[in-house]
Amino acid sequence: VQLQASGGGLVQAGGSLRLSCAASGRTFRSYSMGWFRQAPGKDREFVAVVWRETANYADSVKGRFTISRDNAKNTVYLQMNSLKPDDTATYYCAAAQALAGTEPDEYDYWGQGTQVTVSS
């Protein structure tokens, strides 16, 4: 499985961005798809995951971010609203062949990352 993330950019605090992650492979619908982020000098941090139509979020983004998937397009999205400077990071999408949660080690495939910068 190959993952291609896109949609990052520079946005002011309070603004919105939508990240996309396009996946190769014919079994996309069976994968757990997650988003993680990593700021300079910090560990990779769980953001959100979707398995089938069930989603789970980090407390820090709950109510502001929404993860969704389009199985017909083999794509997972992360809609980010009410962005804060603390959301600044490189965002990575990841795929797991089984039900996956919040730990990076649970995921089998990773995209290349897309930079999100939120200015104050």
PDB file of N, CA and C in Angstrom:
ATOM      1  N   VAL A   1       0.844  -1.186   0.000  1.00  0.00           N
ATOM      2  CA  VAL A   1       0.000   0.000   0.000  1.00  0.00           C
ATOM      3  C   VAL A   1       0.885   1.243   0.000  1.00  0.00           C
ATOM      4  N   GLN A   2       0.598   2.153  -0.897  1.00  0.00           N
ATOM      5  CA  GLN A   2       1.299   3.437  -0.929  1.00  0.00           C
ATOM      6  C   GLN A   2       0.317   4.539  -0.572  1.00  0.00           C
ATOM      7  N   LEU A   3       0.786   5.479   0.257  1.00  0.00           N
ATOM      8  CA  LEU A   3      -0.048   6.565   0.735  1.00  0.00           C
ATOM      9  C   LEU A   3       0.543   7.894   0.301  1.00  0.00           C
ATOM     10  N   GLN A   4      -0.302   8.779  -0.189  1.00  0.00           N
ATOM     11  CA  GLN A   4       0.137  10.096  -0.650  1.00  0.00           C
ATOM     12  C   GLN A   4      -0.714  11.147   0.038  1.00  0.00           C
ATOM     13  N   ALA A   5      -0.093  11.886   0.970  1.00  0.00           N
ATOM     14  CA  ALA A   5      -0.802  12.928   1.703  1.00  0.00           C
ATOM     15  C   ALA A   5      -0.641  14.272   1.008  1.00  0.00           C
ATOM     16  N   SER A   6      -1.668  15.097   1.113  1.00  0.00           N
ATOM     17  CA  SER A   6      -1.629  16.432   0.525  1.00  0.00           C
ATOM     18  C   SER A   6      -2.591  17.351   1.281  1.00  0.00           C
ATOM     19  N   GLY A   7      -2.498  18.646   0.976  1.00  0.00           N
ATOM     20  CA  GLY A   7      -3.450  19.598   1.533  1.00  0.00           C
ATOM     21  C   GLY A   7      -2.909  20.492   2.627  1.00  0.00           C
ATOM     22  N   GLY A   8      -1.682  20.277   3.031  1.00  0.00           N
ATOM     23  CA  GLY A   8      -1.108  21.138   4.053  1.00  0.00           C
ATOM     24  C   GLY A   8      -0.862  22.540   3.546  1.00  0.00           C
ATOM     25  N   GLY A   9      -0.515  23.431   4.464  1.00  0.00           N
ATOM     26  CA  GLY A   9      -0.227  24.798   4.076  1.00  0.00           C
ATOM     27  C   GLY A   9      -0.119  25.700   5.277  1.00  0.00           C
ATOM     28  N   LEU A  10      -0.117  26.991   4.997  1.00  0.00           N
ATOM     29  CA  LEU A  10      -0.036  28.017   6.036  1.00  0.00           C
ATOM     30  C   LEU A  10      -1.411  28.649   6.208  1.00  0.00           C
ATOM     31  N   VAL A  11      -1.869  28.719   7.444  1.00  0.00           N
ATOM     32  CA  VAL A  11      -3.188  29.276   7.720  1.00  0.00           C
ATOM     33  C   VAL A  11      -3.137  30.064   9.023  1.00  0.00           C
ATOM     34  N   GLN A  12      -3.973  31.059   9.141  1.00  0.00           N
ATOM     35  CA  GLN A  12      -4.045  31.831  10.382  1.00  0.00           C
ATOM     36  C   GLN A  12      -4.845  31.074  11.435  1.00  0.00           C
ATOM     37  N   ALA A  13      -4.570  31.372  12.684  1.00  0.00           N
ATOM     38  CA  ALA A  13      -5.318  30.770  13.779  1.00  0.00           C
ATOM     39  C   ALA A  13      -6.810  31.018  13.584  1.00  0.00           C
ATOM     40  N   GLY A  14      -7.599  29.975  13.816  1.00  0.00           N
ATOM     41  CA  GLY A  14      -9.036  30.058  13.594  1.00  0.00           C
ATOM     42  C   GLY A  14      -9.472  29.584  12.222  1.00  0.00           C
ATOM     43  N   GLY A  15      -8.517  29.400  11.344  1.00  0.00           N
ATOM     44  CA  GLY A  15      -8.825  28.977   9.986  1.00  0.00           C
ATOM     45  C   GLY A  15      -8.995  27.476   9.854  1.00  0.00           C
ATOM     46  N   SER A  16      -9.162  27.029   8.617  1.00  0.00           N
ATOM     47  CA  SER A  16      -9.428  25.620   8.325  1.00  0.00           C
ATOM     48  C   SER A  16      -8.535  25.122   7.201  1.00  0.00           C
ATOM     49  N   LEU A  17      -8.282  23.839   7.243  1.00  0.00           N
ATOM     50  CA  LEU A  17      -7.604  23.125   6.161  1.00  0.00           C
ATOM     51  C   LEU A  17      -8.209  21.742   6.052  1.00  0.00           C
ATOM     52  N   ARG A  18      -8.136  21.159   4.866  1.00  0.00           N
ATOM     53  CA  ARG A  18      -8.534  19.767   4.692  1.00  0.00           C
ATOM     54  C   ARG A  18      -7.365  18.994   4.103  1.00  0.00           C
ATOM     55  N   LEU A  19      -6.927  18.011   4.831  1.00  0.00           N
ATOM     56  CA  LEU A  19      -5.879  17.122   4.353  1.00  0.00           C
ATOM     57  C   LEU A  19      -6.516  15.926   3.653  1.00  0.00           C
ATOM     58  N   SER A  20      -5.813  15.434   2.642  1.00  0.00           N
ATOM     59  CA  SER A  20      -6.236  14.242   1.925  1.00  0.00           C
ATOM     60  C   SER A  20      -5.114  13.223   1.929  1.00  0.00           C
ATOM     61  N   CYS A  21      -5.483  11.968   1.893  1.00  0.00           N
ATOM     62  CA  CYS A  21      -4.494  10.894   1.796  1.00  0.00           C
ATOM     63  C   CYS A  21      -5.040   9.855   0.827  1.00  0.00           C
ATOM     64  N   ALA A  22      -4.408   9.771  -0.328  1.00  0.00           N
ATOM     65  CA  ALA A  22      -4.817   8.812  -1.350  1.00  0.00           C
ATOM     66  C   ALA A  22      -4.010   7.529  -1.187  1.00  0.00           C
ATOM     67  N   ALA A  23      -4.710   6.408  -1.232  1.00  0.00           N
ATOM     68  CA  ALA A  23      -4.072   5.110  -1.020  1.00  0.00           C
ATOM     69  C   ALA A  23      -4.187   4.244  -2.258  1.00  0.00           C
ATOM     70  N   SER A  24      -3.157   3.469  -2.507  1.00  0.00           N
ATOM     71  CA  SER A  24      -3.215   2.469  -3.564  1.00  0.00           C
ATOM     72  C   SER A  24      -3.775   1.185  -2.968  1.00  0.00           C
ATOM     73  N   GLY A  25      -4.111   0.226  -3.810  1.00  0.00           N
ATOM     74  CA  GLY A  25      -4.555  -1.063  -3.286  1.00  0.00           C
ATOM     75  C   GLY A  25      -6.048  -1.248  -3.374  1.00  0.00           C
ATOM     76  N   ARG A  26      -6.453  -2.510  -3.549  1.00  0.00           N
ATOM     77  CA  ARG A  26      -7.864  -2.811  -3.748  1.00  0.00           C
ATOM     78  C   ARG A  26      -8.588  -3.149  -2.454  1.00  0.00           C
ATOM     79  N   THR A  27      -7.872  -3.214  -1.330  1.00  0.00           N
ATOM     80  CA  THR A  27      -8.508  -3.582  -0.073  1.00  0.00           C
ATOM     81  C   THR A  27      -8.599  -2.397   0.872  1.00  0.00           C
ATOM     82  N   PHE A  28      -8.627  -1.206   0.322  1.00  0.00           N
ATOM     83  CA  PHE A  28      -8.624   0.016   1.124  1.00  0.00           C
ATOM     84  C   PHE A  28      -9.724   0.011   2.156  1.00  0.00           C
ATOM     85  N   ARG A  29     -10.909  -0.453   1.785  1.00  0.00           N
ATOM     86  CA  ARG A  29     -12.040  -0.339   2.690  1.00  0.00           C
ATOM     87  C   ARG A  29     -11.862  -1.160   3.963  1.00  0.00           C
ATOM     88  N   SER A  30     -11.000  -2.136   3.955  1.00  0.00           N
ATOM     89  CA  SER A  30     -10.795  -2.974   5.129  1.00  0.00           C
ATOM     90  C   SER A  30      -9.725  -2.440   6.072  1.00  0.00           C
ATOM     91  N   TYR A  31      -9.023  -1.390   5.667  1.00  0.00           N
ATOM     92  CA  TYR A  31      -7.931  -0.852   6.465  1.00  0.00           C
ATOM     93  C   TYR A  31      -8.430   0.165   7.490  1.00  0.00           C
ATOM     94  N   SER A  32      -7.778   0.190   8.627  1.00  0.00           N
ATOM     95  CA  SER A  32      -7.876   1.336   9.524  1.00  0.00           C
ATOM     96  C   SER A  32      -6.985   2.432   8.947  1.00  0.00           C
ATOM     97  N   MET A  33      -7.507   3.644   8.893  1.00  0.00           N
ATOM     98  CA  MET A  33      -6.747   4.773   8.359  1.00  0.00           C
ATOM     99  C   MET A  33      -6.610   5.820   9.453  1.00  0.00           C
ATOM    100  N   GLY A  34      -5.363   6.209   9.700  1.00  0.00           N
ATOM    101  CA  GLY A  34      -5.124   7.148  10.777  1.00  0.00           C
ATOM    102  C   GLY A  34      -4.352   8.367  10.331  1.00  0.00           C
ATOM    103  N   TRP A  35      -4.432   9.389  11.142  1.00  0.00           N
ATOM    104  CA  TRP A  35      -3.616  10.590  10.978  1.00  0.00           C
ATOM    105  C   TRP A  35      -2.809  10.803  12.254  1.00  0.00           C
ATOM    106  N   PHE A  36      -1.549  11.095  12.070  1.00  0.00           N
ATOM    107  CA  PHE A  36      -0.647  11.443  13.154  1.00  0.00           C
ATOM    108  C   PHE A  36       0.014  12.770  12.805  1.00  0.00           C
ATOM    109  N   ARG A  37       0.645  13.376  13.793  1.00  0.00           N
ATOM    110  CA  ARG A  37       1.398  14.600  13.528  1.00  0.00           C
ATOM    111  C   ARG A  37       2.649  14.622  14.377  1.00  0.00           C
ATOM    112  N   GLN A  38       3.628  15.361  13.890  1.00  0.00           N
ATOM    113  CA  GLN A  38       4.892  15.472  14.609  1.00  0.00           C
ATOM    114  C   GLN A  38       5.427  16.879  14.472  1.00  0.00           C
ATOM    115  N   ALA A  39       5.579  17.529  15.604  1.00  0.00           N
ATOM    116  CA  ALA A  39       6.171  18.860  15.641  1.00  0.00           C
ATOM    117  C   ALA A  39       7.673  18.722  15.899  1.00  0.00           C
ATOM    118  N   PRO A  40       8.459  19.715  15.512  1.00  0.00           N
ATOM    119  CA  PRO A  40       9.915  19.639  15.735  1.00  0.00           C
ATOM    120  C   PRO A  40      10.255  19.389  17.195  1.00  0.00           C
ATOM    121  N   GLY A  41      11.102  18.392  17.429  1.00  0.00           N
ATOM    122  CA  GLY A  41      11.542  18.081  18.778  1.00  0.00           C
ATOM    123  C   GLY A  41      10.561  17.291  19.610  1.00  0.00           C
ATOM    124  N   LYS A  42       9.455  16.879  18.993  1.00  0.00           N
ATOM    125  CA  LYS A  42       8.446  16.130  19.736  1.00  0.00           C
ATOM    126  C   LYS A  42       8.216  14.764  19.106  1.00  0.00           C
ATOM    127  N   ASP A  43       7.622  13.863  19.866  1.00  0.00           N
ATOM    128  CA  ASP A  43       7.289  12.546  19.352  1.00  0.00           C
ATOM    129  C   ASP A  43       6.088  12.623  18.415  1.00  0.00           C
ATOM    130  N   ARG A  44       5.975  11.601  17.577  1.00  0.00           N
ATOM    131  CA  ARG A  44       4.803  11.516  16.715  1.00  0.00           C
ATOM    132  C   ARG A  44       3.570  11.304  17.580  1.00  0.00           C
ATOM    133  N   GLU A  45       2.518  12.045  17.265  1.00  0.00           N
ATOM    134  CA  GLU A  45       1.333  12.114  18.113  1.00  0.00           C
ATOM    135  C   GLU A  45       0.102  11.682  17.335  1.00  0.00           C
ATOM    136  N   PHE A  46      -0.716  10.845  17.943  1.00  0.00           N
ATOM    137  CA  PHE A  46      -1.970  10.412  17.343  1.00  0.00           C
ATOM    138  C   PHE A  46      -2.926  11.590  17.205  1.00  0.00           C
ATOM    139  N   VAL A  47      -3.626  11.646  16.064  1.00  0.00           N
ATOM    140  CA  VAL A  47      -4.628  12.688  15.843  1.00  0.00           C
ATOM    141  C   VAL A  47      -6.027  12.065  15.717  1.00  0.00           C
ATOM    142  N   ALA A  48      -6.168  11.119  14.778  1.00  0.00           N
ATOM    143  CA  ALA A  48      -7.488  10.529  14.533  1.00  0.00           C
ATOM    144  C   ALA A  48      -7.322   9.229  13.766  1.00  0.00           C
ATOM    145  N   VAL A  49      -8.328   8.367  13.881  1.00  0.00           N
ATOM    146  CA  VAL A  49      -8.343   7.114  13.139  1.00  0.00           C
ATOM    147  C   VAL A  49      -9.790   6.795  12.755  1.00  0.00           C
ATOM    148  N   VAL A  50      -9.943   6.170  11.610  1.00  0.00           N
ATOM    149  CA  VAL A  50     -11.258   5.694  11.197  1.00  0.00           C
ATOM    150  C   VAL A  50     -11.128   4.245  10.744  1.00  0.00           C
ATOM    151  N   TRP A  51     -12.014   3.426  11.253  1.00  0.00           N
ATOM    152  CA  TRP A  51     -12.114   2.014  10.869  1.00  0.00           C
ATOM    153  C   TRP A  51     -13.557   1.772  10.483  1.00  0.00           C
ATOM    154  N   ARG A  52     -13.748   1.367   9.219  1.00  0.00           N
ATOM    155  CA  ARG A  52     -15.081   1.348   8.622  1.00  0.00           C
ATOM    156  C   ARG A  52     -15.666   2.731   8.809  1.00  0.00           C
ATOM    157  N   GLU A  53     -16.725   2.911   9.556  1.00  0.00           N
ATOM    158  CA  GLU A  53     -17.302   4.241   9.756  1.00  0.00           C
ATOM    159  C   GLU A  53     -17.143   4.713  11.190  1.00  0.00           C
ATOM    160  N   THR A  54     -16.322   4.026  11.961  1.00  0.00           N
ATOM    161  CA  THR A  54     -16.105   4.391  13.361  1.00  0.00           C
ATOM    162  C   THR A  54     -14.827   5.215  13.491  1.00  0.00           C
ATOM    163  N   ALA A  55     -14.945   6.364  14.125  1.00  0.00           N
ATOM    164  CA  ALA A  55     -13.813   7.277  14.267  1.00  0.00           C
ATOM    165  C   ALA A  55     -13.454   7.483  15.735  1.00  0.00           C
ATOM    166  N   ASN A  56     -12.169   7.769  15.940  1.00  0.00           N
ATOM    167  CA  ASN A  56     -11.685   8.079  17.278  1.00  0.00           C
ATOM    168  C   ASN A  56     -10.705   9.242  17.153  1.00  0.00           C
ATOM    169  N   TYR A  57     -10.682  10.126  18.153  1.00  0.00           N
ATOM    170  CA  TYR A  57      -9.885  11.341  18.080  1.00  0.00           C
ATOM    171  C   TYR A  57      -9.067  11.548  19.342  1.00  0.00           C
ATOM    172  N   ALA A  58      -7.939  12.213  19.161  1.00  0.00           N
ATOM    173  CA  ALA A  58      -7.194  12.693  20.316  1.00  0.00           C
ATOM    174  C   ALA A  58      -8.010  13.780  21.000  1.00  0.00           C
ATOM    175  N   ASP A  59      -7.886  13.868  22.303  1.00  0.00           N
ATOM    176  CA  ASP A  59      -8.642  14.878  23.053  1.00  0.00           C
ATOM    177  C   ASP A  59      -8.325  16.291  22.570  1.00  0.00           C
ATOM    178  N   SER A  60      -7.102  16.504  22.132  1.00  0.00           N
ATOM    179  CA  SER A  60      -6.665  17.837  21.742  1.00  0.00           C
ATOM    180  C   SER A  60      -7.340  18.346  20.470  1.00  0.00           C
ATOM    181  N   VAL A  61      -7.914  17.439  19.684  1.00  0.00           N
ATOM    182  CA  VAL A  61      -8.541  17.852  18.424  1.00  0.00           C
ATOM    183  C   VAL A  61     -10.034  17.559  18.389  1.00  0.00           C
ATOM    184  N   LYS A  62     -10.533  16.887  19.393  1.00  0.00           N
ATOM    185  CA  LYS A  62     -11.937  16.498  19.417  1.00  0.00           C
ATOM    186  C   LYS A  62     -12.824  17.736  19.342  1.00  0.00           C
ATOM    187  N   GLY A  63     -13.801  17.691  18.449  1.00  0.00           N
ATOM    188  CA  GLY A  63     -14.706  18.826  18.255  1.00  0.00           C
ATOM    189  C   GLY A  63     -14.223  19.823  17.219  1.00  0.00           C
ATOM    190  N   ARG A  64     -12.959  19.707  16.820  1.00  0.00           N
ATOM    191  CA  ARG A  64     -12.408  20.634  15.811  1.00  0.00           C
ATOM    192  C   ARG A  64     -12.040  19.911  14.517  1.00  0.00           C
ATOM    193  N   PHE A  65     -11.578  18.680  14.635  1.00  0.00           N
ATOM    194  CA  PHE A  65     -11.149  17.901  13.475  1.00  0.00           C
ATOM    195  C   PHE A  65     -12.161  16.798  13.192  1.00  0.00           C
ATOM    196  N   THR A  66     -12.302  16.468  11.907  1.00  0.00           N
ATOM    197  CA  THR A  66     -13.166  15.368  11.505  1.00  0.00           C
ATOM    198  C   THR A  66     -12.442  14.497  10.491  1.00  0.00           C
ATOM    199  N   ILE A  67     -12.376  13.207  10.775  1.00  0.00           N
ATOM    200  CA  ILE A  67     -11.783  12.261   9.839  1.00  0.00           C
ATOM    201  C   ILE A  67     -12.912  11.574   9.081  1.00  0.00           C
ATOM    202  N   SER A  68     -12.694  11.363   7.798  1.00  0.00           N
ATOM    203  CA  SER A  68     -13.689  10.675   6.979  1.00  0.00           C
ATOM    204  C   SER A  68     -12.968   9.918   5.879  1.00  0.00           C
ATOM    205  N   ARG A  69     -13.691   9.018   5.241  1.00  0.00           N
ATOM    206  CA  ARG A  69     -13.086   8.241   4.174  1.00  0.00           C
ATOM    207  C   ARG A  69     -14.076   8.073   3.027  1.00  0.00           C
ATOM    208  N   ASP A  70     -13.518   7.994   1.828  1.00  0.00           N
ATOM    209  CA  ASP A  70     -14.285   7.724   0.631  1.00  0.00           C
ATOM    210  C   ASP A  70     -13.697   6.462   0.016  1.00  0.00           C
ATOM    211  N   ASN A  71     -14.329   5.337   0.258  1.00  0.00           N
ATOM    212  CA  ASN A  71     -13.772   4.066  -0.212  1.00  0.00           C
ATOM    213  C   ASN A  71     -13.766   3.966  -1.729  1.00  0.00           C
ATOM    214  N   ALA A  72     -14.686   4.637  -2.392  1.00  0.00           N
ATOM    215  CA  ALA A  72     -14.706   4.615  -3.859  1.00  0.00           C
ATOM    216  C   ALA A  72     -13.477   5.314  -4.442  1.00  0.00           C
ATOM    217  N   LYS A  73     -12.943   6.286  -3.699  1.00  0.00           N
ATOM    218  CA  LYS A  73     -11.773   7.029  -4.163  1.00  0.00           C
ATOM    219  C   LYS A  73     -10.492   6.598  -3.450  1.00  0.00           C
ATOM    220  N   ASN A  74     -10.589   5.607  -2.574  1.00  0.00           N
ATOM    221  CA  ASN A  74      -9.407   5.161  -1.805  1.00  0.00           C
ATOM    222  C   ASN A  74      -8.727   6.341  -1.111  1.00  0.00           C
ATOM    223  N   THR A  75      -9.533   7.197  -0.507  1.00  0.00           N
ATOM    224  CA  THR A  75      -9.001   8.415   0.076  1.00  0.00           C
ATOM    225  C   THR A  75      -9.573   8.632   1.475  1.00  0.00           C
ATOM    226  N   VAL A  76      -8.716   9.081   2.363  1.00  0.00           N
ATOM    227  CA  VAL A  76      -9.146   9.482   3.705  1.00  0.00           C
ATOM    228  C   VAL A  76      -8.853  10.966   3.856  1.00  0.00           C
ATOM    229  N   TYR A  77      -9.723  11.643   4.570  1.00  0.00           N
ATOM    230  CA  TYR A  77      -9.627  13.093   4.738  1.00  0.00           C
ATOM    231  C   TYR A  77      -9.507  13.455   6.214  1.00  0.00           C
ATOM    232  N   LEU A  78      -8.911  14.602   6.450  1.00  0.00           N
ATOM    233  CA  LEU A  78      -8.908  15.173   7.793  1.00  0.00           C
ATOM    234  C   LEU A  78      -9.311  16.637   7.649  1.00  0.00           C
ATOM    235  N   GLN A  79     -10.536  16.948   8.023  1.00  0.00           N
ATOM    236  CA  GLN A  79     -11.021  18.324   8.022  1.00  0.00           C
ATOM    237  C   GLN A  79     -10.627  18.962   9.341  1.00  0.00           C
ATOM    238  N   MET A  80      -9.862  20.033   9.269  1.00  0.00           N
ATOM    239  CA  MET A  80      -9.356  20.687  10.463  1.00  0.00           C
ATOM    240  C   MET A  80      -9.927  22.095  10.547  1.00  0.00           C
ATOM    241  N   ASN A  81     -10.715  22.345  11.559  1.00  0.00           N
ATOM    242  CA  ASN A  81     -11.328  23.654  11.780  1.00  0.00           C
ATOM    243  C   ASN A  81     -10.797  24.268  13.073  1.00  0.00           C
ATOM    244  N   SER A  82     -11.005  25.555  13.223  1.00  0.00           N
ATOM    245  CA  SER A  82     -10.587  26.275  14.433  1.00  0.00           C
ATOM    246  C   SER A  82      -9.128  25.963  14.771  1.00  0.00           C
ATOM    247  N   LEU A  83      -8.295  26.059  13.775  1.00  0.00           N
ATOM    248  CA  LEU A  83      -6.893  25.700  13.966  1.00  0.00           C
ATOM    249  C   LEU A  83      -6.198  26.635  14.942  1.00  0.00           C
ATOM    250  N   LYS A  84      -5.255  26.052  15.679  1.00  0.00           N
ATOM    251  CA  LYS A  84      -4.492  26.788  16.674  1.00  0.00           C
ATOM    252  C   LYS A  84      -3.002  26.680  16.339  1.00  0.00           C
ATOM    253  N   PRO A  85      -2.186  27.609  16.820  1.00  0.00           N
ATOM    254  CA  PRO A  85      -0.739  27.490  16.586  1.00  0.00           C
ATOM    255  C   PRO A  85      -0.176  26.153  17.072  1.00  0.00           C
ATOM    256  N   ASP A  86      -0.744  25.585  18.131  1.00  0.00           N
ATOM    257  CA  ASP A  86      -0.277  24.290  18.634  1.00  0.00           C
ATOM    258  C   ASP A  86      -0.533  23.149  17.672  1.00  0.00           C
ATOM    259  N   ASP A  87      -1.359  23.361  16.659  1.00  0.00           N
ATOM    260  CA  ASP A  87      -1.609  22.333  15.652  1.00  0.00           C
ATOM    261  C   ASP A  87      -0.503  22.287  14.594  1.00  0.00           C
ATOM    262  N   THR A  88       0.410  23.222  14.649  1.00  0.00           N
ATOM    263  CA  THR A  88       1.513  23.252  13.697  1.00  0.00           C
ATOM    264  C   THR A  88       2.370  21.995  13.818  1.00  0.00           C
ATOM    265  N   ALA A  89       2.513  21.288  12.699  1.00  0.00           N
ATOM    266  CA  ALA A  89       3.254  20.023  12.686  1.00  0.00           C
ATOM    267  C   ALA A  89       3.278  19.479  11.266  1.00  0.00           C
ATOM    268  N   THR A  90       4.065  18.444  11.081  1.00  0.00           N
ATOM    269  CA  THR A  90       3.956  17.643   9.869  1.00  0.00           C
ATOM    270  C   THR A  90       2.931  16.555  10.130  1.00  0.00           C
ATOM    271  N   TYR A  91       1.957  16.454   9.247  1.00  0.00           N
ATOM    272  CA  TYR A  91       0.873  15.493   9.414  1.00  0.00           C
ATOM    273  C   TYR A  91       1.115  14.291   8.502  1.00  0.00           C
ATOM    274  N   TYR A  92       0.964  13.116   9.081  1.00  0.00           N
ATOM    275  CA  TYR A  92       1.187  11.868   8.368  1.00  0.00           C
ATOM    276  C   TYR A  92      -0.090  11.032   8.364  1.00  0.00           C
ATOM    277  N   CYS A  93      -0.392  10.433   7.222  1.00  0.00           N
ATOM    278  CA  CYS A  93      -1.446   9.439   7.213  1.00  0.00           C
ATOM    279  C   CYS A  93      -0.807   8.057   7.307  1.00  0.00           C
ATOM    280  N   ALA A  94      -1.576   7.134   7.839  1.00  0.00           N
ATOM    281  CA  ALA A  94      -1.081   5.783   8.063  1.00  0.00           C
ATOM    282  C   ALA A  94      -2.211   4.785   7.855  1.00  0.00           C
ATOM    283  N   ALA A  95      -1.842   3.565   7.498  1.00  0.00           N
ATOM    284  CA  ALA A  95      -2.820   2.510   7.247  1.00  0.00           C
ATOM    285  C   ALA A  95      -2.433   1.262   8.016  1.00  0.00           C
ATOM    286  N   ALA A  96      -3.450   0.597   8.535  1.00  0.00           N
ATOM    287  CA  ALA A  96      -3.249  -0.666   9.241  1.00  0.00           C
ATOM    288  C   ALA A  96      -4.193  -1.708   8.664  1.00  0.00           C
ATOM    289  N   GLN A  97      -3.701  -2.935   8.540  1.00  0.00           N
ATOM    290  CA  GLN A  97      -4.514  -3.996   7.950  1.00  0.00           C
ATOM    291  C   GLN A  97      -5.578  -4.502   8.899  1.00  0.00           C
ATOM    292  N   ALA A  98      -5.469  -4.163  10.165  1.00  0.00           N
ATOM    293  CA  ALA A  98      -6.439  -4.594  11.163  1.00  0.00           C
ATOM    294  C   ALA A  98      -6.947  -3.374  11.922  1.00  0.00           C
ATOM    295  N   LEU A  99      -7.827  -3.609  12.859  1.00  0.00           N
ATOM    296  CA  LEU A  99      -8.308  -2.533  13.712  1.00  0.00           C
ATOM    297  C   LEU A  99      -7.121  -1.916  14.450  1.00  0.00           C
ATOM    298  N   ALA A 100      -6.973  -0.622  14.337  1.00  0.00           N
ATOM    299  CA  ALA A 100      -5.816   0.051  14.926  1.00  0.00           C
ATOM    300  C   ALA A 100      -6.272   1.216  15.791  1.00  0.00           C
ATOM    301  N   GLY A 101      -5.382   1.599  16.674  1.00  0.00           N
ATOM    302  CA  GLY A 101      -5.718   2.651  17.615  1.00  0.00           C
ATOM    303  C   GLY A 101      -4.780   3.827  17.564  1.00  0.00           C
ATOM    304  N   THR A 102      -4.215   4.165  18.721  1.00  0.00           N
ATOM    305  CA  THR A 102      -3.499   5.414  18.858  1.00  0.00           C
ATOM    306  C   THR A 102      -1.986   5.303  18.795  1.00  0.00           C
ATOM    307  N   GLU A 103      -1.455   4.093  18.708  1.00  0.00           N
ATOM    308  CA  GLU A 103      -0.007   3.916  18.722  1.00  0.00           C
ATOM    309  C   GLU A 103       0.556   3.757  17.319  1.00  0.00           C
ATOM    310  N   PRO A 104       1.627   4.500  16.994  1.00  0.00           N
ATOM    311  CA  PRO A 104       2.216   4.379  15.652  1.00  0.00           C
ATOM    312  C   PRO A 104       2.602   2.940  15.292  1.00  0.00           C
ATOM    313  N   ASP A 105       3.008   2.152  16.269  1.00  0.00           N
ATOM    314  CA  ASP A 105       3.438   0.783  15.999  1.00  0.00           C
ATOM    315  C   ASP A 105       2.316  -0.111  15.488  1.00  0.00           C
ATOM    316  N   GLU A 106       1.070   0.324  15.633  1.00  0.00           N
ATOM    317  CA  GLU A 106      -0.060  -0.482  15.176  1.00  0.00           C
ATOM    318  C   GLU A 106      -0.280  -0.367  13.663  1.00  0.00           C
ATOM    319  N   TYR A 107       0.424   0.573  13.032  1.00  0.00           N
ATOM    320  CA  TYR A 107       0.193   0.871  11.620  1.00  0.00           C
ATOM    321  C   TYR A 107       1.288   0.270  10.746  1.00  0.00           C
ATOM    322  N   ASP A 108       0.868  -0.206   9.576  1.00  0.00           N
ATOM    323  CA  ASP A 108       1.781  -0.933   8.683  1.00  0.00           C
ATOM    324  C   ASP A 108       2.376  -0.056   7.590  1.00  0.00           C
ATOM    325  N   TYR A 109       1.683   0.983   7.198  1.00  0.00           N
ATOM    326  CA  TYR A 109       2.117   1.810   6.070  1.00  0.00           C
ATOM    327  C   TYR A 109       1.975   3.284   6.445  1.00  0.00           C
ATOM    328  N   TRP A 110       2.913   4.093   5.901  1.00  0.00           N
ATOM    329  CA  TRP A 110       2.941   5.519   6.203  1.00  0.00           C
ATOM    330  C   TRP A 110       3.115   6.336   4.942  1.00  0.00           C
ATOM    331  N   GLY A 111       2.453   7.488   4.906  1.00  0.00           N
ATOM    332  CA  GLY A 111       2.663   8.447   3.841  1.00  0.00           C
ATOM    333  C   GLY A 111       3.862   9.327   4.151  1.00  0.00           C
ATOM    334  N   GLN A 112       4.143  10.263   3.254  1.00  0.00           N
ATOM    335  CA  GLN A 112       5.358  11.057   3.344  1.00  0.00           C
ATOM    336  C   GLN A 112       5.213  12.294   4.229  1.00  0.00           C
ATOM    337  N   GLY A 113       4.009  12.654   4.617  1.00  0.00           N
ATOM    338  CA  GLY A 113       3.818  13.816   5.468  1.00  0.00           C
ATOM    339  C   GLY A 113       3.496  15.073   4.684  1.00  0.00           C
ATOM    340  N   THR A 114       2.686  15.926   5.288  1.00  0.00           N
ATOM    341  CA  THR A 114       2.363  17.226   4.705  1.00  0.00           C
ATOM    342  C   THR A 114       2.402  18.256   5.832  1.00  0.00           C
ATOM    343  N   GLN A 115       3.024  19.394   5.560  1.00  0.00           N
ATOM    344  CA  GLN A 115       3.270  20.387   6.602  1.00  0.00           C
ATOM    345  C   GLN A 115       2.051  21.284   6.799  1.00  0.00           C
ATOM    346  N   VAL A 116       1.668  21.452   8.052  1.00  0.00           N
ATOM    347  CA  VAL A 116       0.616  22.394   8.435  1.00  0.00           C
ATOM    348  C   VAL A 116       1.228  23.417   9.382  1.00  0.00           C
ATOM    349  N   THR A 117       1.109  24.678   9.030  1.00  0.00           N
ATOM    350  CA  THR A 117       1.623  25.757   9.858  1.00  0.00           C
ATOM    351  C   THR A 117       0.490  26.722  10.166  1.00  0.00           C
ATOM    352  N   VAL A 118       0.265  26.951  11.457  1.00  0.00           N
ATOM    353  CA  VAL A 118      -0.805  27.845  11.902  1.00  0.00           C
ATOM    354  C   VAL A 118      -0.166  29.057  12.559  1.00  0.00           C
ATOM    355  N   SER A 119      -0.407  30.215  11.998  1.00  0.00           N
ATOM    356  CA  SER A 119       0.172  31.445  12.536  1.00  0.00           C
ATOM    357  C   SER A 119      -0.793  32.094  13.525  1.00  0.00           C
ATOM    358  N   SER A 120      -0.208  32.768  14.505  1.00  0.00           N
ATOM    359  CA  SER A 120      -1.043  33.413  15.528  1.00  0.00           C
ATOM    360  C   SER A 120      -1.401  34.836  15.135  1.00  0.00           C
TER     361      SER A 120
END
